[in-house]
All heavy atoms as atom14 arrays in JSON, in Angstrom:
{
  "sequence": "DMIAFREQNFKSRLIEWTQKHKLSIDFRLVEEQKEEGNTPTFLTN",
  "atom14_mask": [
    [1, 1, 1, 1, 1, 1, 1, 1, 0, 0, 0, 0, 0, 0],
    [1, 1, 1, 1, 1, 1, 1, 1, 0, 0, 0, 0, 0, 0],
    [1, 1, 1, 1, 1, 1, 1, 1, 0, 0, 0, 0, 0, 0],
    [1, 1, 1, 1, 1, 0, 0, 0, 0, 0, 0, 0, 0, 0],
    [1, 1, 1, 1, 1, 1, 1, 1, 1, 1, 1, 0, 0, 0],
    [1, 1, 1, 1, 1, 1, 1, 1, 1, 1, 1, 0, 0, 0],
    [1, 1, 1, 1, 1, 1, 1, 1, 1, 0, 0, 0, 0, 0],
    [1, 1, 1, 1, 1, 1, 1, 1, 1, 0, 0, 0, 0, 0],
    [1, 1, 1, 1, 1, 1, 1, 1, 0, 0, 0, 0, 0, 0],
    [1, 1, 1, 1, 1, 1, 1, 1, 1, 1, 1, 0, 0, 0],
    [1, 1, 1, 1, 1, 1, 1, 1, 1, 0, 0, 0, 0, 0],
    [1, 1, 1, 1, 1, 1, 0, 0, 0, 0, 0, 0, 0, 0],
    [1, 1, 1, 1, 1, 1, 1, 1, 1, 1, 1, 0, 0, 0],
    [1, 1, 1, 1, 1, 1, 1, 1, 0, 0, 0, 0, 0, 0],
    [1, 1, 1, 1, 1, 1, 1, 1, 0, 0, 0, 0, 0, 0],
    [1, 1, 1, 1, 1, 1, 1, 1, 1, 0, 0, 0, 0, 0],
    [1, 1, 1, 1, 1, 1, 1, 1, 1, 1, 1, 1, 1, 1],
    [1, 1, 1, 1, 1, 1, 1, 0, 0, 0, 0, 0, 0, 0],
    [1, 1, 1, 1, 1, 1, 1, 1, 1, 0, 0, 0, 0, 0],
    [1, 1, 1, 1, 1, 1, 1, 1, 1, 0, 0, 0, 0, 0],
    [1, 1, 1, 1, 1, 1, 1, 1, 1, 1, 0, 0, 0, 0],
    [1, 1, 1, 1, 1, 1, 1, 1, 1, 0, 0, 0, 0, 0],
    [1, 1, 1, 1, 1, 1, 1, 1, 0, 0, 0, 0, 0, 0],
    [1, 1, 1, 1, 1, 1, 0, 0, 0, 0, 0, 0, 0, 0],
    [1, 1, 1, 1, 1, 1, 1, 1, 0, 0, 0, 0, 0, 0],
    [1, 1, 1, 1, 1, 1, 1, 1, 0, 0, 0, 0, 0, 0],
    [1, 1, 1, 1, 1, 1, 1, 1, 1, 1, 1, 0, 0, 0],
    [1, 1, 1, 1, 1, 1, 1, 1, 1, 1, 1, 0, 0, 0],
    [1, 1, 1, 1, 1, 1, 1, 1, 0, 0, 0, 0, 0, 0],
    [1, 1, 1, 1, 1, 1, 1, 0, 0, 0, 0, 0, 0, 0],
    [1, 1, 1, 1, 1, 1, 1, 1, 1, 0, 0, 0, 0, 0],
    [1, 1, 1, 1, 1, 1, 1, 1, 1, 0, 0, 0, 0, 0],
    [1, 1, 1, 1, 1, 1, 1, 1, 1, 0, 0, 0, 0, 0],
    [1, 1, 1, 1, 1, 1, 1, 1, 1, 0, 0, 0, 0, 0],
    [1, 1, 1, 1, 1, 1, 1, 1, 1, 0, 0, 0, 0, 0],
    [1, 1, 1, 1, 1, 1, 1, 1, 1, 0, 0, 0, 0, 0],
    [1, 1, 1, 1, 0, 0, 0, 0, 0, 0, 0, 0, 0, 0],
    [1, 1, 1, 1, 1, 1, 1, 1, 0, 0, 0, 0, 0, 0],
    [1, 1, 1, 1, 1, 1, 1, 0, 0, 0, 0, 0, 0, 0],
    [1, 1, 1, 1, 1, 1, 1, 0, 0, 0, 0, 0, 0, 0],
    [1, 1, 1, 1, 1, 1, 1, 0, 0, 0, 0, 0, 0, 0],
    [1, 1, 1, 1, 1, 1, 1, 1, 1, 1, 1, 0, 0, 0],
    [1, 1, 1, 1, 1, 1, 1, 1, 0, 0, 0, 0, 0, 0],
    [1, 1, 1, 1, 1, 1, 1, 0, 0, 0, 0, 0, 0, 0],
    [1, 1, 1, 1, 1, 1, 1, 1, 0, 0, 0, 0, 0, 0]
  ],
  "atom14_positions": [
    [[1.26, 21.47, -0.47], [-0.15, 21.35, -0.86], [-0.38, 20.7, -2.2], [-1.21, 19.89, -2.55], [-0.84, 22.55, -0.75], [-0.99, 23.18, 0.75], [-1.63, 22.45, 1.51], [-0.29, 24.16, 1.04], [0.0, 0.0, 0.0], [0.0, 0.0, 0.0], [0.0, 0.0, 0.0], [0.0, 0.0, 0.0], [0.0, 0.0, 0.0], [0.0, 0.0, 0.0]],
    [[0.49, 21.12, -3.16], [0.41, 20.67, -4.53], [0.71, 19.21, -4.57], [0.04, 18.37, -5.2], [1.34, 21.52, -5.42], [1.3, 21.14, -6.87], [2.41, 22.12, -7.97], [1.73, 23.85, -7.68], [0.0, 0.0, 0.0], [0.0, 0.0, 0.0], [0.0, 0.0, 0.0], [0.0, 0.0, 0.0], [0.0, 0.0, 0.0], [0.0, 0.0, 0.0]],
    [[1.79, 18.78, -3.99], [2.27, 17.38, -4.07], [1.22, 16.5, -3.32], [1.03, 15.29, -3.67], [3.73, 17.2, -3.53], [4.24, 15.86, -4.02], [3.74, 17.3, -2.05], [5.76, 15.68, -3.79], [0.0, 0.0, 0.0], [0.0, 0.0, 0.0], [0.0, 0.0, 0.0], [0.0, 0.0, 0.0], [0.0, 0.0, 0.0], [0.0, 0.0, 0.0]],
    [[0.62, 16.95, -2.28], [-0.31, 16.08, -1.5], [-1.45, 15.81, -2.28], [-2.02, 14.75, -2.15], [-0.64, 16.85, -0.16], [0.0, 0.0, 0.0], [0.0, 0.0, 0.0], [0.0, 0.0, 0.0], [0.0, 0.0, 0.0], [0.0, 0.0, 0.0], [0.0, 0.0, 0.0], [0.0, 0.0, 0.0], [0.0, 0.0, 0.0], [0.0, 0.0, 0.0]],
    [[-1.99, 16.81, -3.04], [-3.3, 16.55, -3.78], [-3.03, 16.23, -5.23], [-3.99, 16.15, -5.97], [-4.17, 17.7, -3.6], [-4.52, 17.97, -2.19], [-3.96, 19.0, -1.47], [-5.52, 17.29, -1.67], [-4.34, 19.26, -0.13], [-5.96, 17.47, -0.37], [-5.31, 18.4, 0.44], [0.0, 0.0, 0.0], [0.0, 0.0, 0.0], [0.0, 0.0, 0.0]],
    [[-1.84, 16.08, -5.69], [-1.52, 15.6, -7.05], [-1.78, 14.2, -7.12], [-1.38, 13.36, -6.39], [-0.08, 15.96, -7.41], [0.31, 15.67, -8.88], [1.74, 15.89, -9.0], [2.49, 14.87, -8.43], [3.84, 15.12, -7.92], [4.5, 16.17, -8.34], [4.54, 14.27, -7.35], [0.0, 0.0, 0.0], [0.0, 0.0, 0.0], [0.0, 0.0, 0.0]],
    [[-2.46, 13.86, -8.19], [-2.78, 12.47, -8.49], [-1.9, 11.84, -9.64], [-1.84, 12.49, -10.77], [-4.26, 12.25, -8.93], [-4.58, 10.78, -9.12], [-6.13, 10.54, -9.31], [-6.89, 11.23, -8.65], [-6.44, 9.81, -10.23], [0.0, 0.0, 0.0], [0.0, 0.0, 0.0], [0.0, 0.0, 0.0], [0.0, 0.0, 0.0], [0.0, 0.0, 0.0]],
    [[-1.08, 11.02, -9.18], [-0.1, 10.34, -10.24], [-0.88, 9.22, -10.84], [-1.28, 8.29, -10.08], [1.13, 9.98, -9.68], [1.96, 11.12, -9.0], [3.29, 10.81, -8.55], [4.01, 10.13, -9.13], [3.59, 11.16, -7.33], [0.0, 0.0, 0.0], [0.0, 0.0, 0.0], [0.0, 0.0, 0.0], [0.0, 0.0, 0.0], [0.0, 0.0, 0.0]],
    [[-0.97, 9.1, -12.12], [-1.71, 8.02, -12.78], [-0.89, 6.79, -12.83], [-0.54, 6.51, -14.09], [-2.4, 8.45, -14.05], [-3.6, 7.66, -14.4], [-3.77, 6.6, -13.93], [-4.5, 8.23, -15.15], [0.0, 0.0, 0.0], [0.0, 0.0, 0.0], [0.0, 0.0, 0.0], [0.0, 0.0, 0.0], [0.0, 0.0, 0.0], [0.0, 0.0, 0.0]],
    [[-0.57, 6.07, -11.8], [0.18, 4.81, -11.98], [-0.54, 3.78, -12.7], [-0.04, 2.98, -13.35], [0.58, 4.45, -10.53], [1.4, 5.3, -9.74], [1.0, 6.06, -8.75], [2.8, 5.44, -10.09], [1.77, 7.02, -8.05], [3.62, 6.29, -9.47], [3.03, 7.12, -8.41], [0.0, 0.0, 0.0], [0.0, 0.0, 0.0], [0.0, 0.0, 0.0]],
    [[-2.02, 3.9, -12.53], [-2.75, 2.81, -13.25], [-2.66, 2.84, -14.74], [-2.49, 1.75, -15.35], [-4.18, 2.89, -12.78], [-5.12, 1.81, -13.36], [-6.55, 1.9, -12.7], [-7.36, 0.79, -13.38], [-8.81, 1.02, -12.84], [0.0, 0.0, 0.0], [0.0, 0.0, 0.0], [0.0, 0.0, 0.0], [0.0, 0.0, 0.0], [0.0, 0.0, 0.0]],
    [[-2.62, 4.0, -15.31], [-2.51, 4.17, -16.62], [-1.17, 3.74, -17.14], [-0.98, 2.99, -18.25], [-2.68, 5.6, -17.13], [-4.08, 5.97, -16.97], [0.0, 0.0, 0.0], [0.0, 0.0, 0.0], [0.0, 0.0, 0.0], [0.0, 0.0, 0.0], [0.0, 0.0, 0.0], [0.0, 0.0, 0.0], [0.0, 0.0, 0.0], [0.0, 0.0, 0.0]],
    [[-0.1, 4.03, -16.42], [1.3, 3.56, -16.77], [1.34, 2.11, -16.76], [1.96, 1.5, -17.65], [2.37, 4.2, -15.74], [2.62, 5.61, -16.11], [3.33, 6.27, -14.95], [4.48, 5.52, -14.53], [5.16, 5.77, -13.33], [4.77, 6.84, -12.63], [6.16, 5.15, -12.97], [0.0, 0.0, 0.0], [0.0, 0.0, 0.0], [0.0, 0.0, 0.0]],
    [[0.8, 1.41, -15.72], [0.81, 0.01, -15.62], [0.07, -0.65, -16.81], [0.5, -1.65, -17.4], [0.31, -0.48, -14.34], [0.33, -1.94, -14.09], [1.8, -2.37, -14.01], [-0.37, -2.33, -12.71], [0.0, 0.0, 0.0], [0.0, 0.0, 0.0], [0.0, 0.0, 0.0], [0.0, 0.0, 0.0], [0.0, 0.0, 0.0], [0.0, 0.0, 0.0]],
    [[-1.11, -0.13, -17.09], [-1.92, -0.66, -18.28], [-1.25, -0.55, -19.52], [-1.11, -1.43, -20.3], [-3.42, -0.12, -18.13], [-4.17, -0.46, -17.0], [-4.0, -0.38, -19.52], [-5.49, 0.29, -16.85], [0.0, 0.0, 0.0], [0.0, 0.0, 0.0], [0.0, 0.0, 0.0], [0.0, 0.0, 0.0], [0.0, 0.0, 0.0], [0.0, 0.0, 0.0]],
    [[-0.58, 0.62, -19.69], [0.19, 0.78, -20.98], [1.32, -0.16, -21.11], [1.62, -0.72, -22.13], [0.71, 2.33, -20.99], [-0.4, 3.3, -21.21], [0.2, 4.73, -20.99], [1.5, 4.85, -21.02], [-0.56, 5.71, -21.16], [0.0, 0.0, 0.0], [0.0, 0.0, 0.0], [0.0, 0.0, 0.0], [0.0, 0.0, 0.0], [0.0, 0.0, 0.0]],
    [[1.88, -0.37, -19.95], [3.11, -1.36, -19.95], [2.58, -2.74, -20.34], [3.22, -3.47, -21.08], [3.82, -1.26, -18.6], [5.01, -2.16, -18.55], [6.31, -2.04, -19.04], [5.09, -3.48, -17.95], [7.04, -3.04, -18.8], [6.4, -3.94, -18.15], [4.11, -4.33, -17.36], [6.8, -5.21, -17.71], [4.57, -5.63, -16.91], [5.9, -6.01, -17.15]],
    [[1.47, -3.17, -19.65], [1.0, -4.47, -19.93], [0.48, -4.73, -21.33], [0.66, -5.8, -22.01], [-0.14, -4.91, -18.95], [-1.23, -3.95, -19.1], [0.36, -4.97, -17.49], [0.0, 0.0, 0.0], [0.0, 0.0, 0.0], [0.0, 0.0, 0.0], [0.0, 0.0, 0.0], [0.0, 0.0, 0.0], [0.0, 0.0, 0.0], [0.0, 0.0, 0.0]],
    [[-0.1, -3.57, -21.95], [-0.54, -3.6, -23.27], [0.59, -3.85, -24.24], [0.55, -4.55, -25.29], [-1.45, -2.41, -23.68], [-2.72, -2.35, -22.95], [-3.5, -1.02, -23.23], [-2.84, -0.07, -23.56], [-4.79, -1.02, -22.99], [0.0, 0.0, 0.0], [0.0, 0.0, 0.0], [0.0, 0.0, 0.0], [0.0, 0.0, 0.0], [0.0, 0.0, 0.0]],
    [[1.67, -3.21, -23.98], [2.87, -3.18, -24.82], [3.4, -4.57, -24.86], [3.88, -5.07, -25.88], [3.94, -2.2, -24.33], [5.22, -2.21, -25.14], [6.18, -1.07, -24.7], [7.45, -1.11, -25.58], [8.41, -0.08, -25.09], [0.0, 0.0, 0.0], [0.0, 0.0, 0.0], [0.0, 0.0, 0.0], [0.0, 0.0, 0.0], [0.0, 0.0, 0.0]],
    [[3.37, -5.27, -23.72], [3.92, -6.66, -23.65], [2.87, -7.74, -23.86], [3.11, -8.95, -23.69], [4.74, -6.68, -22.36], [5.92, -5.94, -22.2], [7.15, -6.38, -22.68], [6.16, -4.69, -21.58], [7.98, -5.38, -22.51], [7.48, -4.36, -21.81], [0.0, 0.0, 0.0], [0.0, 0.0, 0.0], [0.0, 0.0, 0.0], [0.0, 0.0, 0.0]],
    [[1.65, -7.26, -24.21], [0.48, -8.2, -24.42], [0.31, -9.07, -23.34], [0.15, -10.38, -23.46], [0.84, -9.08, -25.76], [0.91, -8.14, -27.02], [1.24, -8.96, -28.21], [1.2, -8.18, -29.48], [2.1, -6.95, -29.46], [0.0, 0.0, 0.0], [0.0, 0.0, 0.0], [0.0, 0.0, 0.0], [0.0, 0.0, 0.0], [0.0, 0.0, 0.0]],
    [[0.08, -8.44, -22.14], [-0.12, -9.18, -20.85], [-1.57, -8.89, -20.44], [-2.06, -7.85, -20.59], [0.85, -8.74, -19.85], [2.43, -8.93, -20.17], [3.24, -8.25, -19.1], [2.7, -10.46, -20.23], [0.0, 0.0, 0.0], [0.0, 0.0, 0.0], [0.0, 0.0, 0.0], [0.0, 0.0, 0.0], [0.0, 0.0, 0.0], [0.0, 0.0, 0.0]],
    [[-2.09, -9.92, -19.78], [-3.45, -9.69, -19.19], [-3.26, -8.95, -17.79], [-2.34, -9.21, -17.15], [-4.15, -11.06, -18.96], [-3.52, -11.84, -18.05], [0.0, 0.0, 0.0], [0.0, 0.0, 0.0], [0.0, 0.0, 0.0], [0.0, 0.0, 0.0], [0.0, 0.0, 0.0], [0.0, 0.0, 0.0], [0.0, 0.0, 0.0], [0.0, 0.0, 0.0]],
    [[-4.25, -8.1, -17.44], [-4.11, -7.38, -16.28], [-5.59, -7.22, -15.62], [-6.62, -7.13, -16.33], [-3.61, -6.0, -16.39], [-3.36, -5.33, -15.04], [-4.32, -5.19, -17.37], [-2.61, -4.05, -15.08], [0.0, 0.0, 0.0], [0.0, 0.0, 0.0], [0.0, 0.0, 0.0], [0.0, 0.0, 0.0], [0.0, 0.0, 0.0], [0.0, 0.0, 0.0]],
    [[-5.66, -7.33, -14.3], [-6.96, -7.31, -13.7], [-6.83, -6.57, -12.26], [-5.7, -6.69, -11.63], [-7.58, -8.64, -13.5], [-8.97, -8.59, -12.85], [-9.67, -7.54, -13.19], [-9.3, -9.5, -12.05], [0.0, 0.0, 0.0], [0.0, 0.0, 0.0], [0.0, 0.0, 0.0], [0.0, 0.0, 0.0], [0.0, 0.0, 0.0], [0.0, 0.0, 0.0]],
    [[-7.78, -5.84, -11.87], [-7.73, -5.21, -10.58], [-8.8, -5.87, -9.67], [-10.02, -5.69, -10.05], [-7.81, -3.69, -10.6], [-6.67, -3.02, -11.22], [-6.64, -2.76, -12.62], [-5.61, -2.57, -10.5], [-5.54, -2.21, -13.26], [-4.55, -1.92, -10.99], [-4.5, -1.74, -12.44], [0.0, 0.0, 0.0], [0.0, 0.0, 0.0], [0.0, 0.0, 0.0]],
    [[-8.43, -6.47, -8.67], [-9.52, -7.19, -7.92], [-9.61, -6.61, -6.48], [-8.61, -6.52, -5.7], [-9.01, -8.71, -7.83], [-10.09, -9.62, -7.22], [-9.59, -11.02, -7.36], [-9.38, -11.38, -8.76], [-8.68, -12.51, -9.21], [-8.07, -13.25, -8.34], [-8.61, -12.67, -10.49], [0.0, 0.0, 0.0], [0.0, 0.0, 0.0], [0.0, 0.0, 0.0]],
    [[-10.9, -6.37, -6.1], [-11.14, -5.88, -4.75], [-11.06, -6.92, -3.81], [-11.83, -7.92, -3.97], [-12.49, -5.17, -4.81], [-12.94, -4.61, -3.28], [-12.0, -3.51, -2.82], [-14.24, -4.07, -3.4], [0.0, 0.0, 0.0], [0.0, 0.0, 0.0], [0.0, 0.0, 0.0], [0.0, 0.0, 0.0], [0.0, 0.0, 0.0], [0.0, 0.0, 0.0]],
    [[-10.13, -6.86, -2.86], [-9.98, -8.02, -1.87], [-10.69, -7.82, -0.6], [-11.3, -8.81, -0.07], [-8.44, -8.13, -1.58], [-8.19, -9.26, -0.61], [-7.66, -8.38, -2.79], [0.0, 0.0, 0.0], [0.0, 0.0, 0.0], [0.0, 0.0, 0.0], [0.0, 0.0, 0.0], [0.0, 0.0, 0.0], [0.0, 0.0, 0.0], [0.0, 0.0, 0.0]],
    [[-10.82, -6.63, -0.23], [-11.52, -6.34, 1.03], [-11.92, -4.88, 1.22], [-11.25, -4.05, 0.67], [-10.39, -6.68, 2.19], [-10.93, -6.67, 3.54], [-9.85, -7.1, 4.64], [-8.9, -6.34, 4.8], [-9.92, -8.13, 5.25], [0.0, 0.0, 0.0], [0.0, 0.0, 0.0], [0.0, 0.0, 0.0], [0.0, 0.0, 0.0], [0.0, 0.0, 0.0]],
    [[-13.02, -4.77, 1.86], [-13.59, -3.57, 2.15], [-13.92, -3.33, 3.61], [-14.58, -4.22, 4.1], [-14.87, -3.16, 1.37], [-15.5, -1.87, 1.48], [-16.7, -1.5, 0.63], [-16.95, -2.36, -0.25], [-17.36, -0.6, 0.9], [0.0, 0.0, 0.0], [0.0, 0.0, 0.0], [0.0, 0.0, 0.0], [0.0, 0.0, 0.0], [0.0, 0.0, 0.0]],
    [[-13.32, -2.39, 4.22], [-13.37, -2.3, 5.67], [-13.8, -0.83, 6.03], [-13.88, -0.07, 5.14], [-12.2, -2.64, 6.45], [-11.64, -4.05, 6.33], [-10.53, -4.35, 7.15], [-9.6, -3.47, 7.38], [-10.44, -5.58, 7.54], [0.0, 0.0, 0.0], [0.0, 0.0, 0.0], [0.0, 0.0, 0.0], [0.0, 0.0, 0.0], [0.0, 0.0, 0.0]],
    [[-14.23, -0.67, 7.26], [-14.42, 0.74, 7.83], [-13.61, 0.98, 9.08], [-13.47, 0.28, 9.92], [-15.89, 0.77, 8.15], [-16.77, 0.87, 6.87], [-18.15, 1.32, 7.23], [-19.07, 1.34, 6.0], [-20.41, 1.84, 6.2], [0.0, 0.0, 0.0], [0.0, 0.0, 0.0], [0.0, 0.0, 0.0], [0.0, 0.0, 0.0], [0.0, 0.0, 0.0]],
    [[-12.87, 2.18, 8.92], [-12.12, 2.61, 10.04], [-12.87, 3.27, 11.08], [-14.03, 3.44, 10.97], [-10.9, 3.42, 9.59], [-9.91, 2.77, 8.71], [-8.78, 3.61, 8.28], [-8.81, 4.92, 8.51], [-7.66, 3.03, 7.86], [0.0, 0.0, 0.0], [0.0, 0.0, 0.0], [0.0, 0.0, 0.0], [0.0, 0.0, 0.0], [0.0, 0.0, 0.0]],
    [[-12.13, 3.75, 12.11], [-12.9, 4.66, 13.06], [-13.46, 5.87, 12.45], [-12.99, 6.47, 11.46], [-11.97, 5.24, 14.23], [-11.62, 4.12, 15.33], [-10.71, 4.68, 16.35], [-11.08, 5.83, 16.8], [-9.73, 4.12, 16.63], [0.0, 0.0, 0.0], [0.0, 0.0, 0.0], [0.0, 0.0, 0.0], [0.0, 0.0, 0.0], [0.0, 0.0, 0.0]],
    [[-14.71, 6.24, 12.82], [-15.44, 7.34, 12.26], [-16.21, 6.88, 11.01], [-16.63, 7.59, 10.26], [0.0, 0.0, 0.0], [0.0, 0.0, 0.0], [0.0, 0.0, 0.0], [0.0, 0.0, 0.0], [0.0, 0.0, 0.0], [0.0, 0.0, 0.0], [0.0, 0.0, 0.0], [0.0, 0.0, 0.0], [0.0, 0.0, 0.0], [0.0, 0.0, 0.0]],
    [[-16.19, 5.58, 10.77], [-16.97, 4.94, 9.7], [-16.39, 5.31, 8.4], [-17.08, 5.27, 7.31], [-18.44, 5.47, 9.72], [-19.43, 4.31, 9.41], [-19.17, 3.14, 9.63], [-20.57, 4.73, 8.77], [0.0, 0.0, 0.0], [0.0, 0.0, 0.0], [0.0, 0.0, 0.0], [0.0, 0.0, 0.0], [0.0, 0.0, 0.0], [0.0, 0.0, 0.0]],
    [[-15.1, 5.52, 8.25], [-14.41, 5.85, 7.03], [-14.13, 4.57, 6.28], [-13.44, 3.61, 6.82], [-13.1, 6.55, 7.22], [-13.46, 7.75, 7.98], [-12.4, 6.98, 5.91], [0.0, 0.0, 0.0], [0.0, 0.0, 0.0], [0.0, 0.0, 0.0], [0.0, 0.0, 0.0], [0.0, 0.0, 0.0], [0.0, 0.0, 0.0], [0.0, 0.0, 0.0]],
    [[-14.56, 4.35, 5.05], [-14.38, 3.16, 4.27], [-12.92, 3.07, 3.71], [-12.32, 4.13, 3.47], [-15.44, 3.21, 3.16], [-15.53, 4.58, 2.92], [-15.44, 5.36, 4.25], [0.0, 0.0, 0.0], [0.0, 0.0, 0.0], [0.0, 0.0, 0.0], [0.0, 0.0, 0.0], [0.0, 0.0, 0.0], [0.0, 0.0, 0.0], [0.0, 0.0, 0.0]],
    [[-12.46, 1.84, 3.7], [-11.1, 1.64, 3.09], [-11.29, 0.43, 2.14], [-12.07, -0.42, 2.31], [-9.96, 1.41, 4.17], [-10.21, 0.12, 4.84], [-9.77, 2.45, 4.98], [0.0, 0.0, 0.0], [0.0, 0.0, 0.0], [0.0, 0.0, 0.0], [0.0, 0.0, 0.0], [0.0, 0.0, 0.0], [0.0, 0.0, 0.0], [0.0, 0.0, 0.0]],
    [[-10.44, 0.4, 1.11], [-10.56, -0.57, 0.06], [-9.1, -1.2, -0.18], [-8.14, -0.49, -0.37], [-11.13, -0.07, -1.25], [-12.46, 0.64, -1.11], [-12.59, 2.0, -0.67], [-13.66, -0.09, -1.29], [-13.81, 2.53, -0.53], [-14.84, 0.5, -1.12], [-14.96, 1.81, -0.76], [0.0, 0.0, 0.0], [0.0, 0.0, 0.0], [0.0, 0.0, 0.0]],
    [[-9.15, -2.49, -0.16], [-7.85, -3.2, -0.44], [-7.82, -3.9, -1.83], [-8.82, -4.76, -2.02], [-7.55, -4.17, 0.66], [-6.22, -4.99, 0.52], [-5.04, -4.02, 0.81], [-6.14, -6.17, 1.49], [0.0, 0.0, 0.0], [0.0, 0.0, 0.0], [0.0, 0.0, 0.0], [0.0, 0.0, 0.0], [0.0, 0.0, 0.0], [0.0, 0.0, 0.0]],
    [[-7.07, -3.55, -2.74], [-7.05, -4.02, -4.13], [-5.77, -4.68, -4.45], [-4.74, -4.16, -4.11], [-7.36, -2.85, -5.09], [-8.67, -2.37, -4.8], [-7.3, -3.33, -6.49], [0.0, 0.0, 0.0], [0.0, 0.0, 0.0], [0.0, 0.0, 0.0], [0.0, 0.0, 0.0], [0.0, 0.0, 0.0], [0.0, 0.0, 0.0], [0.0, 0.0, 0.0]],
    [[-5.9, -5.79, -5.32], [-4.78, -6.37, -5.79], [-4.66, -6.11, -7.44], [-5.64, -6.14, -8.08], [-4.76, -7.92, -5.77], [-4.54, -8.47, -4.31], [-4.0, -7.66, -3.54], [-4.9, -9.78, -4.02], [0.0, 0.0, 0.0], [0.0, 0.0, 0.0], [0.0, 0.0, 0.0], [0.0, 0.0, 0.0], [0.0, 0.0, 0.0], [0.0, 0.0, 0.0]]
  ]
}
């Protein structure tokens, strides 16, 4: 239960890494869909 609901902040780690190397970074929403039951899903690059 703990590991399932634990949020690992990979985004912060990646941003810190790009800042250290003076690199530009962007998160772009590519696609938004809905699964069965009208559940939304988001595809990001």
